[in-house]
C-alpha cells in the first residue's frame, strides 16, 4: 500500500511539473529535463509512468476532469452549471487547466496528443442527457449537439477572457453564456430554479472544500 501511495504521489508530481512547463513554454519548447527538475524525481521514475513527452501531454489533458470541486445536486442542470462555473473560477490559478488550454490550442500538437475538448464534450453531453431523463430539458433537445455548441462557445469565451482580462472575468462570461443557452434547452420549471450567478463557482468551491470526506465503507 505504501508503495502504491508513493507511485500515486510521484505520478501527480510529474503531471503537475509537466503542466507548469507546458503552460509556460507550450509543447514544442518544453523539455523533459525541465520537467524532471520541477518534479524532483528521477528519469526512471518519470518514464515508469510516462514513456514520452507526448504521453505526458496526454496525462495532463486527462487530469483536468475531476468531481472534487463541486457537490452532487438533485438537478442535473445545476450540476452542469456548477461544474462549469467552478471550472471558470479555477482556471486562473490551476496550472493543469492552464496547460490543458495551451495544449488544446496547439494545432500541430493536437495531431500527436489530441485535445481536452472531446472529453469535455462527453461530460457536458452526459449531464444534459441525464437532465433530459429527469424532465429538466425540453424533449426536442439533442444532448450531443448541445454539448458541442456549449464547448465551442466556452472556448471562445475563454479566449476572450484571457485576451481582455487574463481570465479575471471568465466567471462573468460563462454566466452570460448560460443565460443564453439554458432558456433554449431547459423546461420553464427547471430554469427558474437554477443558480447561474457569476459568483456561483466561488461559492460552490467553498462548499465543496467544507464538505466532510465520505465515510469509508467497511472492508474496502
Protein backbone atom coordinates (compact mmCIF):
# COMPACT_ATOMS: atom_id res chain seq x y z
CA UNK A 1 0.00 0.00 0.00
CA UNK A 2 2.83 2.42 0.87
CA UNK A 3 4.48 1.68 -2.48
CA UNK A 4 1.20 2.34 -4.29
CA UNK A 5 0.73 5.64 -2.47
CA UNK A 6 4.26 6.70 -3.40
CA UNK A 7 3.56 5.83 -7.03
CA UNK A 8 0.39 7.94 -6.97
CA UNK A 9 2.27 10.88 -5.43
CA UNK A 10 5.11 10.56 -7.93
CA UNK A 11 2.72 10.45 -10.88
CA UNK A 12 0.91 13.52 -9.57
CA UNK A 13 4.18 15.39 -9.06
CA UNK A 14 5.22 14.61 -12.63
CA UNK A 15 1.82 15.70 -14.00
CA UNK A 16 1.93 19.00 -12.11
CA UNK A 17 5.53 19.66 -13.17
CA UNK A 18 4.76 18.88 -16.80
CA UNK A 19 1.69 21.10 -16.67
CA UNK A 20 3.70 24.01 -15.27
CA UNK A 21 6.23 23.66 -18.10
CA UNK A 22 3.62 23.22 -20.84
CA UNK A 23 1.61 26.19 -19.54
CA UNK A 24 4.63 28.49 -19.79
CA UNK A 25 6.52 27.17 -22.80
CA UNK A 26 3.98 25.19 -24.82
CA UNK A 27 4.52 21.65 -26.01
CA UNK A 28 7.28 22.10 -28.60
CA UNK A 29 9.59 24.13 -26.34
CA UNK A 30 9.02 22.03 -23.21
CA UNK A 31 11.88 19.71 -22.23
CA UNK A 32 11.93 16.53 -20.18
CA UNK A 33 14.94 17.94 -18.30
CA UNK A 34 12.97 20.92 -17.01
CA UNK A 35 10.01 18.72 -16.10
CA UNK A 36 12.33 16.42 -14.15
CA UNK A 37 13.86 19.36 -12.32
CA UNK A 38 10.46 20.76 -11.34
CA UNK A 39 9.07 17.37 -10.32
CA UNK A 40 12.12 16.45 -8.24
CA UNK A 41 12.05 12.83 -9.44
CA UNK A 42 14.49 10.61 -11.29
CA UNK A 43 14.29 9.98 -15.01
CA UNK A 44 13.45 6.35 -14.25
CA UNK A 45 10.51 7.39 -12.06
CA UNK A 46 9.16 9.67 -14.77
CA UNK A 47 9.48 7.06 -17.51
CA UNK A 48 7.84 4.46 -15.30
CA UNK A 49 4.63 6.48 -15.61
CA UNK A 50 5.10 8.22 -18.97
CA UNK A 51 7.21 6.89 -21.83
CA UNK A 52 7.46 10.16 -23.78
CA UNK A 53 6.70 13.87 -23.77
CA UNK A 54 3.67 13.05 -25.89
CA UNK A 55 2.27 10.71 -23.24
CA UNK A 56 2.97 13.39 -20.61
CA UNK A 57 0.83 15.83 -22.60
CA UNK A 58 -1.96 13.25 -22.74
CA UNK A 59 -1.63 12.73 -18.99
CA UNK A 60 -2.02 16.44 -18.34
CA UNK A 61 -5.11 16.61 -20.56
CA UNK A 62 -6.67 13.58 -18.88
CA UNK A 63 -6.07 15.05 -15.41
CA UNK A 64 -8.32 18.05 -16.00
CA UNK A 65 -11.66 16.37 -15.37
CA UNK A 66 -12.48 15.81 -11.71
CA UNK A 67 -15.55 15.67 -9.49
CA UNK A 68 -13.63 17.02 -6.49
CA UNK A 69 -14.63 20.67 -6.86
CA UNK A 70 -18.44 20.57 -6.79
CA UNK A 71 -21.17 18.70 -4.92
CA UNK A 72 -23.93 16.50 -6.36
CA UNK A 73 -27.33 18.18 -6.79
CA UNK A 74 -30.85 16.92 -7.27
CA UNK A 75 -30.95 18.80 -10.58
CA UNK A 76 -28.54 17.62 -13.25
CA UNK A 77 -28.65 21.01 -14.96
CA UNK A 78 -27.40 22.62 -11.75
CA UNK A 79 -24.60 20.05 -11.61
CA UNK A 80 -23.62 21.05 -15.15
CA UNK A 81 -23.68 24.73 -14.20
CA UNK A 82 -21.67 24.08 -11.05
CA UNK A 83 -19.07 22.01 -12.87
CA UNK A 84 -18.55 24.79 -15.41
CA UNK A 85 -18.70 27.71 -13.00
CA UNK A 86 -16.19 26.10 -10.64
CA UNK A 87 -14.00 25.38 -13.66
CA UNK A 88 -14.15 29.06 -14.62
CA UNK A 89 -13.17 30.02 -11.06
CA UNK A 90 -10.24 27.59 -11.05
CA UNK A 91 -8.74 28.38 -14.46
CA UNK A 92 -6.67 31.44 -13.45
CA UNK A 93 -4.84 29.55 -10.68
CA UNK A 94 -4.86 25.90 -11.76
CA UNK A 95 -1.73 25.06 -13.74
CA UNK A 96 -3.18 21.80 -15.08
CA UNK A 97 -6.16 23.65 -16.55
CA UNK A 98 -3.91 26.37 -17.97
CA UNK A 99 -1.67 23.75 -19.55
CA UNK A 100 -4.71 21.98 -20.99
CA UNK A 101 -5.86 25.21 -22.61
CA UNK A 102 -2.46 25.80 -24.20
CA UNK A 103 -2.04 22.18 -25.32
CA UNK A 104 -5.54 22.06 -26.82
CA UNK A 105 -4.86 25.24 -28.78
CA UNK A 106 -1.64 23.82 -30.26
CA UNK A 107 -2.61 22.93 -33.84
CA UNK A 108 0.49 20.83 -34.54
CA UNK A 109 0.49 19.23 -31.09
CA UNK A 110 -3.13 18.12 -31.36
CA UNK A 111 -2.10 15.67 -34.09
CA UNK A 112 0.15 13.95 -31.52
CA UNK A 113 -1.80 14.03 -28.28
CA UNK A 114 -5.29 15.31 -29.07
CA UNK A 115 -7.06 17.95 -27.01
CA UNK A 116 -9.21 18.29 -23.92
CA UNK A 117 -12.27 19.17 -25.99
CA UNK A 118 -13.70 15.67 -26.70
CA UNK A 119 -13.61 14.76 -23.01
CA UNK A 120 -15.38 17.97 -22.00
CA UNK A 121 -17.98 17.46 -24.73
CA UNK A 122 -18.64 14.00 -23.33
CA UNK A 123 -19.02 15.36 -19.78
CA UNK A 124 -21.49 18.03 -20.88
CA UNK A 125 -23.40 15.61 -23.11
CA UNK A 126 -23.86 13.18 -20.22
CA UNK A 127 -25.09 15.92 -17.86
CA UNK A 128 -27.59 17.20 -20.42
CA UNK A 129 -28.74 13.65 -21.21
CA UNK A 130 -29.27 12.92 -17.51
CA UNK A 131 -31.14 16.21 -17.11
CA UNK A 132 -33.35 15.29 -20.07
CA UNK A 133 -34.19 11.93 -18.47
CA UNK A 134 -35.22 13.81 -15.31
CA UNK A 135 -37.51 16.13 -17.26
CA UNK A 136 -35.33 19.22 -16.86
CA UNK A 137 -34.62 19.59 -20.59
CA UNK A 138 -37.08 20.11 -23.44
CA UNK A 139 -37.94 16.92 -25.37
CA UNK A 140 -36.51 18.03 -28.74
CA UNK A 141 -33.05 18.90 -27.39
CA UNK A 142 -30.13 16.76 -28.61
CA UNK A 143 -27.53 16.38 -25.80
CA UNK A 144 -24.61 15.81 -28.20
CA UNK A 145 -25.38 18.90 -30.27
CA UNK A 146 -25.89 20.93 -27.11
CA UNK A 147 -22.55 19.79 -25.73
CA UNK A 148 -20.66 20.61 -28.92
CA UNK A 149 -22.30 24.04 -29.10
CA UNK A 150 -21.55 24.79 -25.46
CA UNK A 151 -17.92 23.67 -25.51
CA UNK A 152 -17.32 25.62 -28.73
CA UNK A 153 -18.81 28.73 -27.15
CA UNK A 154 -16.82 28.13 -23.96
CA UNK A 155 -13.56 28.03 -25.93
CA UNK A 156 -14.42 31.39 -27.48
CA UNK A 157 -15.39 32.97 -24.16
CA UNK A 158 -12.24 31.58 -22.57
CA UNK A 159 -10.04 33.06 -25.30
CA UNK A 160 -11.72 36.47 -24.99
CA UNK A 161 -11.40 36.45 -21.21
CA UNK A 162 -7.71 35.62 -21.43
CA UNK A 163 -7.09 38.35 -24.00
CA UNK A 164 -9.01 41.10 -22.23
CA UNK A 165 -8.61 40.42 -18.50
CA UNK A 166 -6.24 37.49 -18.00
CA UNK A 167 -9.26 35.31 -17.05
CA UNK A 168 -10.42 37.72 -14.32
CA UNK A 169 -13.90 37.95 -15.88
CA UNK A 170 -14.26 34.32 -17.00
CA UNK A 171 -16.96 33.58 -14.42
CA UNK A 172 -18.98 36.56 -15.64
CA UNK A 173 -18.64 35.47 -19.26
CA UNK A 174 -19.69 31.88 -18.54
CA UNK A 175 -22.67 33.17 -16.56
CA UNK A 176 -23.71 35.15 -19.64
CA UNK A 177 -23.23 32.06 -21.80
CA UNK A 178 -25.57 30.06 -19.56
CA UNK A 179 -28.06 32.94 -19.57
CA UNK A 180 -28.42 32.50 -23.32
CA UNK A 181 -28.16 28.72 -23.65
CA UNK A 182 -30.29 27.47 -20.75
CA UNK A 183 -33.54 29.23 -21.76
CA UNK A 184 -33.25 27.48 -25.13
CA UNK A 185 -32.94 23.96 -23.69
CA UNK A 186 -34.39 23.89 -20.14
CA UNK A 187 -38.02 23.45 -19.16
CA UNK A 188 -39.52 26.55 -17.52
CA UNK A 189 -39.92 24.67 -14.23
CA UNK A 190 -36.21 23.76 -14.18
CA UNK A 191 -34.96 27.09 -15.46
CA UNK A 192 -36.49 29.10 -12.64
CA UNK A 193 -34.64 27.01 -10.03
CA UNK A 194 -31.12 27.35 -11.49
CA UNK A 195 -28.40 29.48 -9.91
CA UNK A 196 -26.12 30.79 -12.65
CA UNK A 197 -24.81 33.91 -10.92
CA UNK A 198 -21.24 34.94 -11.81
CA UNK A 199 -20.03 34.11 -8.29
CA UNK A 200 -21.64 30.64 -8.28
CA UNK A 201 -18.30 28.94 -8.94
CA UNK A 202 -16.53 30.50 -5.97
CA UNK A 203 -19.43 29.69 -3.65
CA UNK A 204 -19.58 26.06 -4.75
CA UNK A 205 -15.81 25.67 -4.36
CA UNK A 206 -16.07 26.83 -0.76
CA UNK A 207 -18.97 24.44 -0.11
CA UNK A 208 -17.03 21.53 -1.61
CA UNK A 209 -13.94 22.34 0.45
CA UNK A 210 -16.01 22.49 3.65
CA UNK A 211 -17.93 19.27 2.96
CA UNK A 212 -16.91 16.28 5.12
CA UNK A 213 -14.98 13.49 3.43
CA UNK A 214 -17.03 10.42 2.51
CA UNK A 215 -17.18 7.75 5.22
CA UNK A 216 -15.10 4.70 4.19
CA UNK A 217 -17.11 1.55 3.54
CA UNK A 218 -16.24 -1.30 5.90
CA UNK A 219 -13.98 -3.87 4.27
CA UNK A 220 -12.95 -1.59 1.40
